[in-house]
Amino acid sequence: MDALLAFAATLVSLRLSADLLRRYRARRAPEHAAWAASLAAFALGSGALAWAAAAGWDDRAFRAYYLFGGLLTAALLGAGSLLRAGVRWAGPAALVYTGIAVGVAIAMPLAAPVGGGSIPDAQAHLDLFPARMLAIAGNSAGTLAAVAVAAAGLRRRPLGNGLVLAGLAVAALGSALAGLGEAESALFSAAAAVLLYVGFVLPTRPASTPAGGSDGRAAAAP
């Protein structure tokens, strides 16, 4: 059952990521590409949980889970928020960070072989530098950027940005309760992905128009 729930969470996140990618292809808004990549990382992290729940944890499942869930998701989410705010260097920075993260996840030495039926504790298998330090930096910077941009835009997009903040809170809670098991962690990830997706695509509240008429145009989606 744990594997099925984690696999279902993978499909949900992949579907949402694909829709954001479609929006990027239609509008060429770079934040949509970064957000699509972040939700894809959500999905692949849940896929690693499904793999481990079905076959047991091993080094490969742990590396995949750490890469997508620990290194990439929050960092790419924050990059998308910065791009939404007009910080154009966030795109190249995210590409460089992603390359470093992939390299670290592949090459990082493990202090002990990974096994068992519960989500491994990174501290038991990874040295502080570089893998855990990179995860701390990526998660902290990405989350801080996403929270700051969403909070700054609450007045303009109260519902959309409020959902983004709720999604971030659910994702953080899921990380804090990772010891509950693969299915529970995957469900937290899926719930966070849904909240973030809806927050991303909700339209901006229409600006007030001069008295005596309306311009008749709908507000653009973010």
N, C-alpha and C. Protein backbone atom coordinates (compact mmCIF):
# COMPACT_ATOMS: atom_id res chain seq x y z
N MET A 1 0.83 -1.20 0.00
CA MET A 1 0.00 0.00 0.00
C MET A 1 0.87 1.26 0.00
N ASP A 2 1.97 1.22 0.77
CA ASP A 2 2.86 2.39 0.80
C ASP A 2 3.39 2.70 -0.60
N ALA A 3 3.78 1.66 -1.33
CA ALA A 3 4.32 1.87 -2.68
C ALA A 3 3.26 2.45 -3.60
N LEU A 4 2.01 1.98 -3.49
CA LEU A 4 0.94 2.48 -4.35
C LEU A 4 0.64 3.95 -4.06
N LEU A 5 0.60 4.31 -2.79
CA LEU A 5 0.34 5.70 -2.44
C LEU A 5 1.47 6.62 -2.91
N ALA A 6 2.71 6.15 -2.74
CA ALA A 6 3.84 6.96 -3.19
C ALA A 6 3.83 7.08 -4.72
N PHE A 7 3.45 6.01 -5.41
CA PHE A 7 3.38 6.07 -6.87
C PHE A 7 2.26 7.01 -7.31
N ALA A 8 1.13 6.99 -6.61
CA ALA A 8 0.04 7.91 -6.94
C ALA A 8 0.48 9.36 -6.75
N ALA A 9 1.23 9.63 -5.68
CA ALA A 9 1.75 10.98 -5.47
C ALA A 9 2.70 11.39 -6.59
N THR A 10 3.47 10.42 -7.09
CA THR A 10 4.36 10.69 -8.23
C THR A 10 3.57 11.12 -9.45
N LEU A 11 2.50 10.41 -9.75
CA LEU A 11 1.68 10.73 -10.92
C LEU A 11 1.03 12.10 -10.80
N VAL A 12 0.54 12.43 -9.60
CA VAL A 12 -0.09 13.75 -9.40
C VAL A 12 0.92 14.86 -9.66
N SER A 13 2.10 14.75 -9.07
CA SER A 13 3.10 15.80 -9.23
C SER A 13 3.58 15.89 -10.68
N LEU A 14 3.73 14.75 -11.35
CA LEU A 14 4.14 14.77 -12.76
C LEU A 14 3.10 15.45 -13.62
N ARG A 15 1.83 15.19 -13.33
CA ARG A 15 0.76 15.81 -14.13
C ARG A 15 0.78 17.33 -13.96
N LEU A 16 0.97 17.80 -12.75
CA LEU A 16 1.01 19.23 -12.51
C LEU A 16 2.25 19.86 -13.15
N SER A 17 3.37 19.14 -13.08
CA SER A 17 4.60 19.63 -13.71
C SER A 17 4.41 19.76 -15.22
N ALA A 18 3.76 18.77 -15.83
CA ALA A 18 3.53 18.81 -17.27
C ALA A 18 2.66 19.99 -17.67
N ASP A 19 1.67 20.33 -16.84
CA ASP A 19 0.82 21.47 -17.17
C ASP A 19 1.60 22.78 -17.08
N LEU A 20 2.47 22.90 -16.09
CA LEU A 20 3.30 24.11 -16.01
C LEU A 20 4.26 24.19 -17.19
N LEU A 21 4.77 23.05 -17.64
CA LEU A 21 5.64 23.06 -18.81
C LEU A 21 4.86 23.49 -20.05
N ARG A 22 3.62 23.06 -20.15
CA ARG A 22 2.77 23.49 -21.27
C ARG A 22 2.56 25.00 -21.23
N ARG A 23 2.35 25.54 -20.04
CA ARG A 23 2.18 26.98 -19.91
C ARG A 23 3.46 27.72 -20.30
N TYR A 24 4.60 27.13 -19.95
CA TYR A 24 5.87 27.75 -20.34
C TYR A 24 6.01 27.77 -21.86
N ARG A 25 5.66 26.69 -22.51
CA ARG A 25 5.78 26.63 -23.97
C ARG A 25 4.83 27.62 -24.64
N ALA A 26 3.70 27.90 -24.00
CA ALA A 26 2.74 28.83 -24.58
C ALA A 26 3.13 30.28 -24.35
N ARG A 27 3.74 30.58 -23.20
CA ARG A 27 3.98 31.98 -22.83
C ARG A 27 5.47 32.35 -22.73
N ARG A 28 6.32 31.33 -22.64
CA ARG A 28 7.77 31.56 -22.50
C ARG A 28 8.11 32.36 -21.25
N ALA A 29 7.31 32.20 -20.20
CA ALA A 29 7.63 32.82 -18.92
C ALA A 29 8.61 31.91 -18.19
N PRO A 30 9.83 32.35 -17.90
CA PRO A 30 10.84 31.45 -17.36
C PRO A 30 10.47 30.86 -16.00
N GLU A 31 9.66 31.58 -15.22
CA GLU A 31 9.28 31.02 -13.93
C GLU A 31 8.49 29.73 -14.07
N HIS A 32 7.70 29.61 -15.14
CA HIS A 32 6.95 28.38 -15.35
C HIS A 32 7.88 27.20 -15.57
N ALA A 33 8.98 27.41 -16.28
CA ALA A 33 9.94 26.32 -16.50
C ALA A 33 10.57 25.90 -15.17
N ALA A 34 10.96 26.87 -14.34
CA ALA A 34 11.57 26.53 -13.05
C ALA A 34 10.58 25.83 -12.14
N TRP A 35 9.34 26.32 -12.10
CA TRP A 35 8.32 25.67 -11.27
C TRP A 35 8.00 24.27 -11.77
N ALA A 36 7.96 24.10 -13.10
CA ALA A 36 7.74 22.77 -13.65
C ALA A 36 8.85 21.82 -13.24
N ALA A 37 10.10 22.31 -13.27
CA ALA A 37 11.22 21.48 -12.84
C ALA A 37 11.13 21.14 -11.36
N SER A 38 10.68 22.09 -10.55
CA SER A 38 10.54 21.85 -9.12
C SER A 38 9.48 20.78 -8.84
N LEU A 39 8.33 20.87 -9.50
CA LEU A 39 7.30 19.86 -9.30
C LEU A 39 7.71 18.51 -9.88
N ALA A 40 8.51 18.52 -10.95
CA ALA A 40 9.06 17.27 -11.46
C ALA A 40 9.99 16.64 -10.43
N ALA A 41 10.77 17.48 -9.72
CA ALA A 41 11.62 16.95 -8.66
C ALA A 41 10.77 16.38 -7.52
N PHE A 42 9.66 17.07 -7.18
CA PHE A 42 8.71 16.51 -6.23
C PHE A 42 8.30 15.11 -6.67
N ALA A 43 7.95 14.98 -7.96
CA ALA A 43 7.47 13.71 -8.48
C ALA A 43 8.55 12.63 -8.41
N LEU A 44 9.76 12.97 -8.81
CA LEU A 44 10.82 11.97 -8.81
C LEU A 44 11.24 11.60 -7.40
N GLY A 45 11.17 12.55 -6.47
CA GLY A 45 11.41 12.21 -5.08
C GLY A 45 10.36 11.23 -4.56
N SER A 46 9.10 11.44 -4.93
CA SER A 46 8.04 10.50 -4.56
C SER A 46 8.25 9.16 -5.26
N GLY A 47 8.76 9.20 -6.51
CA GLY A 47 9.06 7.96 -7.21
C GLY A 47 10.12 7.15 -6.50
N ALA A 48 11.14 7.84 -5.95
CA ALA A 48 12.16 7.12 -5.18
C ALA A 48 11.56 6.50 -3.93
N LEU A 49 10.60 7.20 -3.31
CA LEU A 49 9.91 6.63 -2.15
C LEU A 49 9.13 5.38 -2.54
N ALA A 50 8.46 5.44 -3.71
CA ALA A 50 7.71 4.27 -4.18
C ALA A 50 8.65 3.09 -4.43
N TRP A 51 9.76 3.37 -5.06
CA TRP A 51 10.78 2.34 -5.32
C TRP A 51 11.24 1.70 -4.00
N ALA A 52 11.57 2.53 -3.02
CA ALA A 52 12.06 2.00 -1.74
C ALA A 52 10.97 1.24 -0.99
N ALA A 53 9.72 1.74 -1.07
CA ALA A 53 8.63 1.05 -0.38
C ALA A 53 8.37 -0.32 -0.99
N ALA A 54 8.58 -0.44 -2.30
CA ALA A 54 8.33 -1.71 -2.98
C ALA A 54 9.49 -2.69 -2.85
N ALA A 55 10.72 -2.18 -2.93
CA ALA A 55 11.88 -3.07 -3.00
C ALA A 55 12.84 -2.92 -1.83
N GLY A 56 12.58 -2.00 -0.92
CA GLY A 56 13.50 -1.75 0.18
C GLY A 56 14.51 -0.68 -0.19
N TRP A 57 15.00 0.01 0.81
CA TRP A 57 15.98 1.07 0.58
C TRP A 57 17.34 0.48 0.23
N ASP A 58 17.99 1.10 -0.73
CA ASP A 58 19.38 0.79 -1.05
C ASP A 58 20.08 2.08 -1.45
N ASP A 59 21.36 1.96 -1.80
CA ASP A 59 22.13 3.18 -2.11
C ASP A 59 21.52 3.95 -3.27
N ARG A 60 21.03 3.24 -4.29
CA ARG A 60 20.49 3.92 -5.47
C ARG A 60 19.23 4.69 -5.14
N ALA A 61 18.31 4.07 -4.41
CA ALA A 61 17.07 4.75 -4.04
C ALA A 61 17.37 5.96 -3.16
N PHE A 62 18.33 5.81 -2.26
CA PHE A 62 18.67 6.92 -1.37
C PHE A 62 19.27 8.08 -2.15
N ARG A 63 20.17 7.79 -3.10
CA ARG A 63 20.78 8.87 -3.89
C ARG A 63 19.71 9.60 -4.69
N ALA A 64 18.77 8.87 -5.30
CA ALA A 64 17.70 9.50 -6.07
C ALA A 64 16.81 10.35 -5.18
N TYR A 65 16.46 9.81 -4.02
CA TYR A 65 15.60 10.54 -3.10
C TYR A 65 16.30 11.81 -2.59
N TYR A 66 17.59 11.69 -2.29
CA TYR A 66 18.32 12.85 -1.77
C TYR A 66 18.49 13.92 -2.85
N LEU A 67 18.76 13.48 -4.08
CA LEU A 67 18.92 14.45 -5.16
C LEU A 67 17.64 15.24 -5.41
N PHE A 68 16.55 14.52 -5.66
CA PHE A 68 15.31 15.20 -6.06
C PHE A 68 14.58 15.83 -4.88
N GLY A 69 14.52 15.11 -3.75
CA GLY A 69 13.81 15.66 -2.61
C GLY A 69 14.65 16.57 -1.75
N GLY A 70 15.93 16.24 -1.57
CA GLY A 70 16.76 16.99 -0.66
C GLY A 70 17.52 18.15 -1.27
N LEU A 71 17.90 18.01 -2.55
CA LEU A 71 18.76 19.01 -3.17
C LEU A 71 18.04 19.94 -4.15
N LEU A 72 17.07 19.42 -4.90
CA LEU A 72 16.56 20.19 -6.04
C LEU A 72 15.21 20.88 -5.82
N THR A 73 14.28 20.22 -5.14
CA THR A 73 12.91 20.72 -5.12
C THR A 73 12.81 22.17 -4.64
N ALA A 74 13.30 22.44 -3.44
CA ALA A 74 13.15 23.78 -2.86
C ALA A 74 13.98 24.81 -3.62
N ALA A 75 15.18 24.41 -4.06
CA ALA A 75 16.04 25.36 -4.77
C ALA A 75 15.40 25.82 -6.07
N LEU A 76 14.83 24.88 -6.84
CA LEU A 76 14.18 25.24 -8.10
C LEU A 76 12.90 26.04 -7.87
N LEU A 77 12.19 25.71 -6.80
CA LEU A 77 11.01 26.48 -6.46
C LEU A 77 11.37 27.94 -6.18
N GLY A 78 12.43 28.14 -5.39
CA GLY A 78 12.87 29.51 -5.10
C GLY A 78 13.34 30.23 -6.35
N ALA A 79 14.03 29.51 -7.24
CA ALA A 79 14.47 30.14 -8.49
C ALA A 79 13.28 30.62 -9.31
N GLY A 80 12.21 29.81 -9.36
CA GLY A 80 11.01 30.23 -10.08
C GLY A 80 10.39 31.47 -9.47
N SER A 81 10.37 31.55 -8.15
CA SER A 81 9.82 32.73 -7.48
C SER A 81 10.65 33.98 -7.80
N LEU A 82 11.97 33.83 -7.79
CA LEU A 82 12.82 34.97 -8.12
C LEU A 82 12.63 35.40 -9.57
N LEU A 83 12.50 34.44 -10.47
CA LEU A 83 12.24 34.78 -11.87
C LEU A 83 10.90 35.50 -12.01
N ARG A 84 9.91 35.06 -11.25
CA ARG A 84 8.60 35.73 -11.27
C ARG A 84 8.73 37.18 -10.82
N ALA A 85 9.67 37.43 -9.89
CA ALA A 85 9.88 38.78 -9.38
C ALA A 85 10.81 39.61 -10.27
N GLY A 86 11.28 39.02 -11.39
CA GLY A 86 12.12 39.76 -12.32
C GLY A 86 13.61 39.62 -12.09
N VAL A 87 14.03 38.69 -11.24
CA VAL A 87 15.46 38.48 -10.96
C VAL A 87 15.98 37.50 -12.01
N ARG A 88 16.49 38.01 -13.13
CA ARG A 88 16.80 37.15 -14.27
C ARG A 88 18.02 36.27 -14.07
N TRP A 89 18.95 36.68 -13.17
CA TRP A 89 20.12 35.82 -12.96
C TRP A 89 19.76 34.53 -12.24
N ALA A 90 18.54 34.44 -11.69
CA ALA A 90 18.13 33.23 -10.98
C ALA A 90 18.09 32.03 -11.90
N GLY A 91 17.77 32.24 -13.19
CA GLY A 91 17.72 31.13 -14.13
C GLY A 91 19.08 30.48 -14.34
N PRO A 92 20.11 31.24 -14.77
CA PRO A 92 21.45 30.65 -14.90
C PRO A 92 21.97 30.08 -13.59
N ALA A 93 21.70 30.75 -12.47
CA ALA A 93 22.16 30.24 -11.18
C ALA A 93 21.52 28.89 -10.87
N ALA A 94 20.24 28.73 -11.21
CA ALA A 94 19.56 27.46 -10.97
C ALA A 94 20.16 26.34 -11.83
N LEU A 95 20.53 26.66 -13.06
CA LEU A 95 21.15 25.65 -13.92
C LEU A 95 22.50 25.20 -13.36
N VAL A 96 23.30 26.16 -12.90
CA VAL A 96 24.60 25.82 -12.31
C VAL A 96 24.41 24.98 -11.05
N TYR A 97 23.48 25.40 -10.20
CA TYR A 97 23.22 24.65 -8.97
C TYR A 97 22.76 23.24 -9.28
N THR A 98 21.87 23.10 -10.26
CA THR A 98 21.38 21.77 -10.62
C THR A 98 22.51 20.86 -11.07
N GLY A 99 23.42 21.38 -11.88
CA GLY A 99 24.56 20.59 -12.31
C GLY A 99 25.42 20.14 -11.15
N ILE A 100 25.68 21.05 -10.21
CA ILE A 100 26.47 20.70 -9.02
C ILE A 100 25.73 19.65 -8.19
N ALA A 101 24.41 19.82 -8.02
CA ALA A 101 23.63 18.89 -7.21
C ALA A 101 23.66 17.49 -7.81
N VAL A 102 23.50 17.39 -9.13
CA VAL A 102 23.54 16.08 -9.78
C VAL A 102 24.90 15.43 -9.58
N GLY A 103 25.96 16.21 -9.75
CA GLY A 103 27.30 15.67 -9.56
C GLY A 103 27.53 15.18 -8.15
N VAL A 104 27.09 15.97 -7.17
CA VAL A 104 27.25 15.58 -5.77
C VAL A 104 26.45 14.32 -5.47
N ALA A 105 25.20 14.24 -5.94
CA ALA A 105 24.37 13.08 -5.66
C ALA A 105 24.95 11.80 -6.24
N ILE A 106 25.60 11.90 -7.40
CA ILE A 106 26.19 10.72 -8.03
C ILE A 106 27.49 10.31 -7.33
N ALA A 107 28.31 11.31 -6.99
CA ALA A 107 29.66 11.02 -6.52
C ALA A 107 29.79 10.97 -5.00
N MET A 108 28.80 11.44 -4.24
CA MET A 108 28.97 11.54 -2.79
C MET A 108 29.23 10.17 -2.18
N PRO A 109 30.27 10.06 -1.35
CA PRO A 109 30.53 8.79 -0.67
C PRO A 109 29.54 8.58 0.47
N LEU A 110 29.14 7.36 0.68
CA LEU A 110 28.22 7.03 1.76
C LEU A 110 29.01 6.43 2.92
N ALA A 111 28.77 6.95 4.11
CA ALA A 111 29.49 6.48 5.28
C ALA A 111 29.14 5.04 5.63
N ALA A 112 27.94 4.63 5.27
CA ALA A 112 27.49 3.27 5.53
C ALA A 112 26.49 2.88 4.46
N PRO A 113 26.44 1.60 4.09
CA PRO A 113 25.45 1.17 3.09
C PRO A 113 24.02 1.46 3.57
N VAL A 114 23.16 1.80 2.62
CA VAL A 114 21.76 2.11 2.95
C VAL A 114 20.94 0.84 2.87
N GLY A 115 20.08 0.63 3.84
CA GLY A 115 19.20 -0.52 3.84
C GLY A 115 18.05 -0.30 4.79
N GLY A 116 17.21 -1.31 4.92
CA GLY A 116 16.09 -1.22 5.84
C GLY A 116 14.80 -0.82 5.17
N GLY A 117 13.77 -0.64 5.99
CA GLY A 117 12.45 -0.35 5.46
C GLY A 117 11.93 1.03 5.79
N SER A 118 12.76 1.88 6.38
CA SER A 118 12.32 3.24 6.71
C SER A 118 13.23 4.25 6.02
N ILE A 119 12.74 5.48 5.89
CA ILE A 119 13.49 6.52 5.20
C ILE A 119 14.81 6.75 5.94
N PRO A 120 15.94 6.64 5.25
CA PRO A 120 17.23 6.77 5.93
C PRO A 120 17.46 8.19 6.44
N ASP A 121 18.20 8.28 7.53
CA ASP A 121 18.62 9.56 8.08
C ASP A 121 19.89 9.99 7.35
N ALA A 122 19.86 11.15 6.71
CA ALA A 122 21.02 11.60 5.94
C ALA A 122 22.27 11.70 6.81
N GLN A 123 22.11 12.08 8.06
CA GLN A 123 23.27 12.24 8.94
C GLN A 123 24.00 10.92 9.17
N ALA A 124 23.27 9.81 9.03
CA ALA A 124 23.90 8.50 9.26
C ALA A 124 24.69 8.02 8.05
N HIS A 125 24.49 8.66 6.90
CA HIS A 125 25.11 8.15 5.68
C HIS A 125 25.96 9.17 4.95
N LEU A 126 25.81 10.46 5.27
CA LEU A 126 26.51 11.50 4.51
C LEU A 126 27.31 12.40 5.43
N ASP A 127 28.51 12.77 4.99
CA ASP A 127 29.29 13.78 5.70
C ASP A 127 28.62 15.15 5.55
N LEU A 128 28.97 16.04 6.46
CA LEU A 128 28.38 17.37 6.40
C LEU A 128 28.74 18.08 5.10
N PHE A 129 30.00 17.96 4.67
CA PHE A 129 30.43 18.59 3.42
C PHE A 129 30.84 17.50 2.44
N PRO A 130 30.36 17.55 1.16
CA PRO A 130 29.58 18.66 0.59
C PRO A 130 28.07 18.43 0.57
N ALA A 131 27.62 17.16 0.70
CA ALA A 131 26.23 16.85 0.39
C ALA A 131 25.24 17.53 1.32
N ARG A 132 25.44 17.39 2.62
CA ARG A 132 24.47 17.97 3.55
C ARG A 132 24.54 19.49 3.56
N MET A 133 25.76 20.05 3.43
CA MET A 133 25.88 21.51 3.36
C MET A 133 25.18 22.06 2.12
N LEU A 134 25.31 21.36 0.99
CA LEU A 134 24.65 21.81 -0.23
C LEU A 134 23.14 21.76 -0.08
N ALA A 135 22.64 20.70 0.55
CA ALA A 135 21.19 20.59 0.77
C ALA A 135 20.69 21.70 1.69
N ILE A 136 21.44 21.98 2.75
CA ILE A 136 21.05 23.05 3.67
C ILE A 136 21.01 24.39 2.94
N ALA A 137 22.05 24.65 2.15
CA ALA A 137 22.11 25.93 1.42
C ALA A 137 20.99 26.03 0.39
N GLY A 138 20.79 24.97 -0.40
CA GLY A 138 19.76 25.00 -1.43
C GLY A 138 18.37 25.12 -0.87
N ASN A 139 18.08 24.36 0.18
CA ASN A 139 16.75 24.41 0.79
C ASN A 139 16.51 25.74 1.47
N SER A 140 17.51 26.25 2.19
CA SER A 140 17.33 27.51 2.90
C SER A 140 17.13 28.67 1.93
N ALA A 141 18.00 28.76 0.92
CA ALA A 141 17.90 29.86 -0.04
C ALA A 141 16.61 29.76 -0.85
N GLY A 142 16.28 28.55 -1.31
CA GLY A 142 15.08 28.39 -2.12
C GLY A 142 13.81 28.70 -1.35
N THR A 143 13.72 28.18 -0.13
CA THR A 143 12.53 28.43 0.69
C THR A 143 12.42 29.90 1.06
N LEU A 144 13.54 30.51 1.43
CA LEU A 144 13.52 31.93 1.78
C LEU A 144 13.07 32.78 0.60
N ALA A 145 13.58 32.48 -0.59
CA ALA A 145 13.18 33.25 -1.77
C ALA A 145 11.70 33.08 -2.06
N ALA A 146 11.21 31.83 -2.00
CA ALA A 146 9.80 31.58 -2.29
C ALA A 146 8.89 32.27 -1.28
N VAL A 147 9.25 32.18 0.00
CA VAL A 147 8.44 32.82 1.04
C VAL A 147 8.46 34.34 0.88
N ALA A 148 9.64 34.90 0.63
CA ALA A 148 9.75 36.37 0.52
C ALA A 148 8.94 36.90 -0.65
N VAL A 149 9.04 36.24 -1.82
CA VAL A 149 8.32 36.71 -3.00
C VAL A 149 6.81 36.55 -2.79
N ALA A 150 6.39 35.41 -2.24
CA ALA A 150 4.95 35.20 -2.01
C ALA A 150 4.40 36.18 -0.99
N ALA A 151 5.15 36.41 0.09
CA ALA A 151 4.68 37.34 1.12
C ALA A 151 4.61 38.76 0.59
N ALA A 152 5.59 39.14 -0.23
CA ALA A 152 5.60 40.49 -0.78
C ALA A 152 4.42 40.73 -1.71
N GLY A 153 3.93 39.66 -2.36
CA GLY A 153 2.82 39.81 -3.29
C GLY A 153 1.47 39.45 -2.73
N LEU A 154 1.37 39.26 -1.42
CA LEU A 154 0.09 38.85 -0.82
C LEU A 154 -1.01 39.87 -1.07
N ARG A 155 -0.68 41.14 -1.04
CA ARG A 155 -1.72 42.16 -1.20
C ARG A 155 -2.28 42.13 -2.62
N ARG A 156 -1.40 41.85 -3.59
CA ARG A 156 -1.83 41.83 -4.99
C ARG A 156 -2.50 40.51 -5.36
N ARG A 157 -2.00 39.40 -4.79
CA ARG A 157 -2.56 38.08 -5.08
C ARG A 157 -2.79 37.35 -3.76
N PRO A 158 -3.78 37.77 -2.98
CA PRO A 158 -3.93 37.18 -1.64
C PRO A 158 -4.19 35.68 -1.66
N LEU A 159 -5.06 35.20 -2.55
CA LEU A 159 -5.38 33.78 -2.56
C LEU A 159 -4.24 32.96 -3.16
N GLY A 160 -3.76 33.37 -4.33
CA GLY A 160 -2.70 32.62 -4.98
C GLY A 160 -1.45 32.53 -4.14
N ASN A 161 -0.96 33.67 -3.65
CA ASN A 161 0.25 33.65 -2.84
C ASN A 161 0.03 33.01 -1.48
N GLY A 162 -1.19 33.11 -0.97
CA GLY A 162 -1.49 32.41 0.27
C GLY A 162 -1.40 30.90 0.09
N LEU A 163 -1.86 30.40 -1.05
CA LEU A 163 -1.74 28.97 -1.34
C LEU A 163 -0.28 28.55 -1.52
N VAL A 164 0.51 29.41 -2.13
CA VAL A 164 1.94 29.11 -2.25
C VAL A 164 2.56 28.98 -0.86
N LEU A 165 2.26 29.91 0.03
CA LEU A 165 2.79 29.84 1.39
C LEU A 165 2.28 28.59 2.11
N ALA A 166 1.01 28.23 1.87
CA ALA A 166 0.49 27.00 2.49
C ALA A 166 1.20 25.77 1.94
N GLY A 167 1.48 25.76 0.63
CA GLY A 167 2.21 24.64 0.06
C GLY A 167 3.60 24.51 0.64
N LEU A 168 4.27 25.64 0.84
CA LEU A 168 5.60 25.61 1.46
C LEU A 168 5.52 25.07 2.88
N ALA A 169 4.49 25.46 3.62
CA ALA A 169 4.34 24.98 4.99
C ALA A 169 4.09 23.48 5.02
N VAL A 170 3.26 22.98 4.10
CA VAL A 170 2.98 21.54 4.05
C VAL A 170 4.24 20.76 3.68
N ALA A 171 5.01 21.29 2.72
CA ALA A 171 6.26 20.62 2.34
C ALA A 171 7.23 20.57 3.52
N ALA A 172 7.33 21.68 4.27
CA ALA A 172 8.21 21.71 5.43
C ALA A 172 7.76 20.73 6.50
N LEU A 173 6.44 20.64 6.70
CA LEU A 173 5.91 19.70 7.68
C LEU A 173 6.19 18.26 7.26
N GLY A 174 6.05 17.99 5.96
CA GLY A 174 6.35 16.65 5.47
C GLY A 174 7.79 16.27 5.70
N SER A 175 8.71 17.23 5.50
CA SER A 175 10.13 16.96 5.75
C SER A 175 10.38 16.70 7.23
N ALA A 176 9.71 17.46 8.09
CA ALA A 176 9.90 17.29 9.53
C ALA A 176 9.37 15.94 10.01
N LEU A 177 8.33 15.42 9.32
CA LEU A 177 7.71 14.16 9.74
C LEU A 177 8.09 13.00 8.84
N ALA A 178 9.26 13.10 8.19
CA ALA A 178 9.68 12.07 7.24
C ALA A 178 9.77 10.70 7.88
N GLY A 179 9.99 10.64 9.18
CA GLY A 179 10.10 9.35 9.85
C GLY A 179 8.80 8.57 9.91
N LEU A 180 7.67 9.20 9.53
CA LEU A 180 6.40 8.48 9.55
C LEU A 180 6.37 7.35 8.53
N GLY A 181 7.07 7.50 7.41
CA GLY A 181 7.09 6.45 6.40
C GLY A 181 6.99 7.01 5.00
N GLU A 182 7.20 6.11 4.02
CA GLU A 182 7.23 6.53 2.62
C GLU A 182 5.89 7.07 2.16
N ALA A 183 4.80 6.38 2.50
CA ALA A 183 3.48 6.81 2.02
C ALA A 183 3.12 8.18 2.57
N GLU A 184 3.34 8.37 3.86
CA GLU A 184 3.00 9.66 4.47
C GLU A 184 3.83 10.79 3.87
N SER A 185 5.12 10.56 3.69
CA SER A 185 5.98 11.59 3.10
C SER A 185 5.53 11.92 1.68
N ALA A 186 5.19 10.89 0.90
CA ALA A 186 4.74 11.13 -0.47
C ALA A 186 3.43 11.89 -0.50
N LEU A 187 2.52 11.60 0.43
CA LEU A 187 1.25 12.32 0.46
C LEU A 187 1.44 13.79 0.83
N PHE A 188 2.35 14.06 1.75
CA PHE A 188 2.67 15.45 2.06
C PHE A 188 3.23 16.15 0.82
N SER A 189 4.10 15.46 0.08
CA SER A 189 4.67 16.05 -1.13
C SER A 189 3.59 16.33 -2.17
N ALA A 190 2.67 15.38 -2.35
CA ALA A 190 1.60 15.58 -3.33
C ALA A 190 0.69 16.73 -2.92
N ALA A 191 0.35 16.81 -1.63
CA ALA A 191 -0.49 17.92 -1.16
C ALA A 191 0.21 19.25 -1.36
N ALA A 192 1.50 19.30 -1.06
CA ALA A 192 2.26 20.53 -1.26
C ALA A 192 2.31 20.90 -2.73
N ALA A 193 2.51 19.90 -3.61
CA ALA A 193 2.57 20.17 -5.05
C ALA A 193 1.25 20.74 -5.56
N VAL A 194 0.13 20.20 -5.09
CA VAL A 194 -1.18 20.70 -5.52
C VAL A 194 -1.38 22.15 -5.07
N LEU A 195 -1.07 22.43 -3.81
CA LEU A 195 -1.23 23.79 -3.29
C LEU A 195 -0.34 24.78 -4.06
N LEU A 196 0.90 24.38 -4.30
CA LEU A 196 1.82 25.27 -5.02
C LEU A 196 1.34 25.50 -6.44
N TYR A 197 0.92 24.43 -7.11
CA TYR A 197 0.46 24.56 -8.49
C TYR A 197 -0.72 25.52 -8.59
N VAL A 198 -1.71 25.33 -7.73
CA VAL A 198 -2.89 26.21 -7.78
C VAL A 198 -2.48 27.64 -7.47
N GLY A 199 -1.57 27.81 -6.51
CA GLY A 199 -1.10 29.15 -6.20
C GLY A 199 -0.37 29.79 -7.36
N PHE A 200 0.40 29.00 -8.12
CA PHE A 200 1.12 29.54 -9.27
C PHE A 200 0.18 30.01 -10.36
N VAL A 201 -0.88 29.24 -10.64
CA VAL A 201 -1.68 29.51 -11.84
C VAL A 201 -2.90 30.39 -11.59
N LEU A 202 -3.24 30.64 -10.33
CA LEU A 202 -4.37 31.54 -10.09
C LEU A 202 -4.06 32.92 -10.66
N PRO A 203 -5.03 33.57 -11.29
CA PRO A 203 -4.77 34.89 -11.88
C PRO A 203 -4.58 35.95 -10.82
N THR A 204 -3.87 36.98 -11.21
CA THR A 204 -3.71 38.15 -10.36
C THR A 204 -5.04 38.87 -10.22
N ARG A 205 -5.30 39.41 -9.05
CA ARG A 205 -6.55 40.16 -8.84
C ARG A 205 -6.60 41.34 -9.79
N PRO A 206 -7.70 41.53 -10.52
CA PRO A 206 -7.77 42.64 -11.47
C PRO A 206 -7.54 43.98 -10.79
N ALA A 207 -6.77 44.82 -11.47
CA ALA A 207 -6.56 46.18 -10.95
C ALA A 207 -7.83 46.99 -11.10
N SER A 208 -8.03 47.96 -10.22
CA SER A 208 -9.21 48.83 -10.32
C SER A 208 -9.11 49.66 -11.58
N THR A 209 -10.26 49.88 -12.21
CA THR A 209 -10.31 50.65 -13.45
C THR A 209 -10.94 52.01 -13.19
N PRO A 210 -10.66 52.96 -14.03
CA PRO A 210 -11.25 54.29 -13.84
C PRO A 210 -12.76 54.23 -13.83
N ALA A 211 -13.36 55.15 -13.10
CA ALA A 211 -14.82 55.21 -13.04
C ALA A 211 -15.40 55.40 -14.43
N GLY A 212 -16.54 54.70 -14.65
CA GLY A 212 -17.24 54.86 -15.91
C GLY A 212 -16.94 53.80 -16.93
N GLY A 213 -16.10 52.82 -16.60
CA GLY A 213 -15.87 51.79 -17.59
C GLY A 213 -14.85 50.78 -17.14
N SER A 214 -14.76 49.72 -17.91
CA SER A 214 -13.80 48.66 -17.66
C SER A 214 -13.09 48.34 -18.94
N ASP A 215 -11.84 47.92 -18.83
CA ASP A 215 -11.14 47.61 -20.06
C ASP A 215 -11.51 46.26 -20.63
N GLY A 216 -12.30 45.46 -19.84
CA GLY A 216 -12.81 44.19 -20.37
C GLY A 216 -11.80 43.10 -20.47
N ARG A 217 -10.57 43.26 -19.94
CA ARG A 217 -9.55 42.23 -20.07
C ARG A 217 -9.39 41.50 -18.76
N ALA A 218 -9.20 40.19 -18.82
CA ALA A 218 -8.96 39.41 -17.63
C ALA A 218 -7.52 39.59 -17.21
N ALA A 219 -7.29 39.48 -15.91
CA ALA A 219 -5.91 39.58 -15.41
C ALA A 219 -5.11 38.40 -15.89
N ALA A 220 -3.85 38.65 -16.16
CA ALA A 220 -2.99 37.57 -16.63
C ALA A 220 -2.61 36.65 -15.49
N ALA A 221 -2.52 35.38 -15.79
CA ALA A 221 -2.05 34.41 -14.80
C ALA A 221 -0.56 34.60 -14.62
N PRO A 222 -0.05 34.26 -13.41
CA PRO A 222 1.36 34.44 -13.17
C PRO A 222 2.20 33.49 -14.01
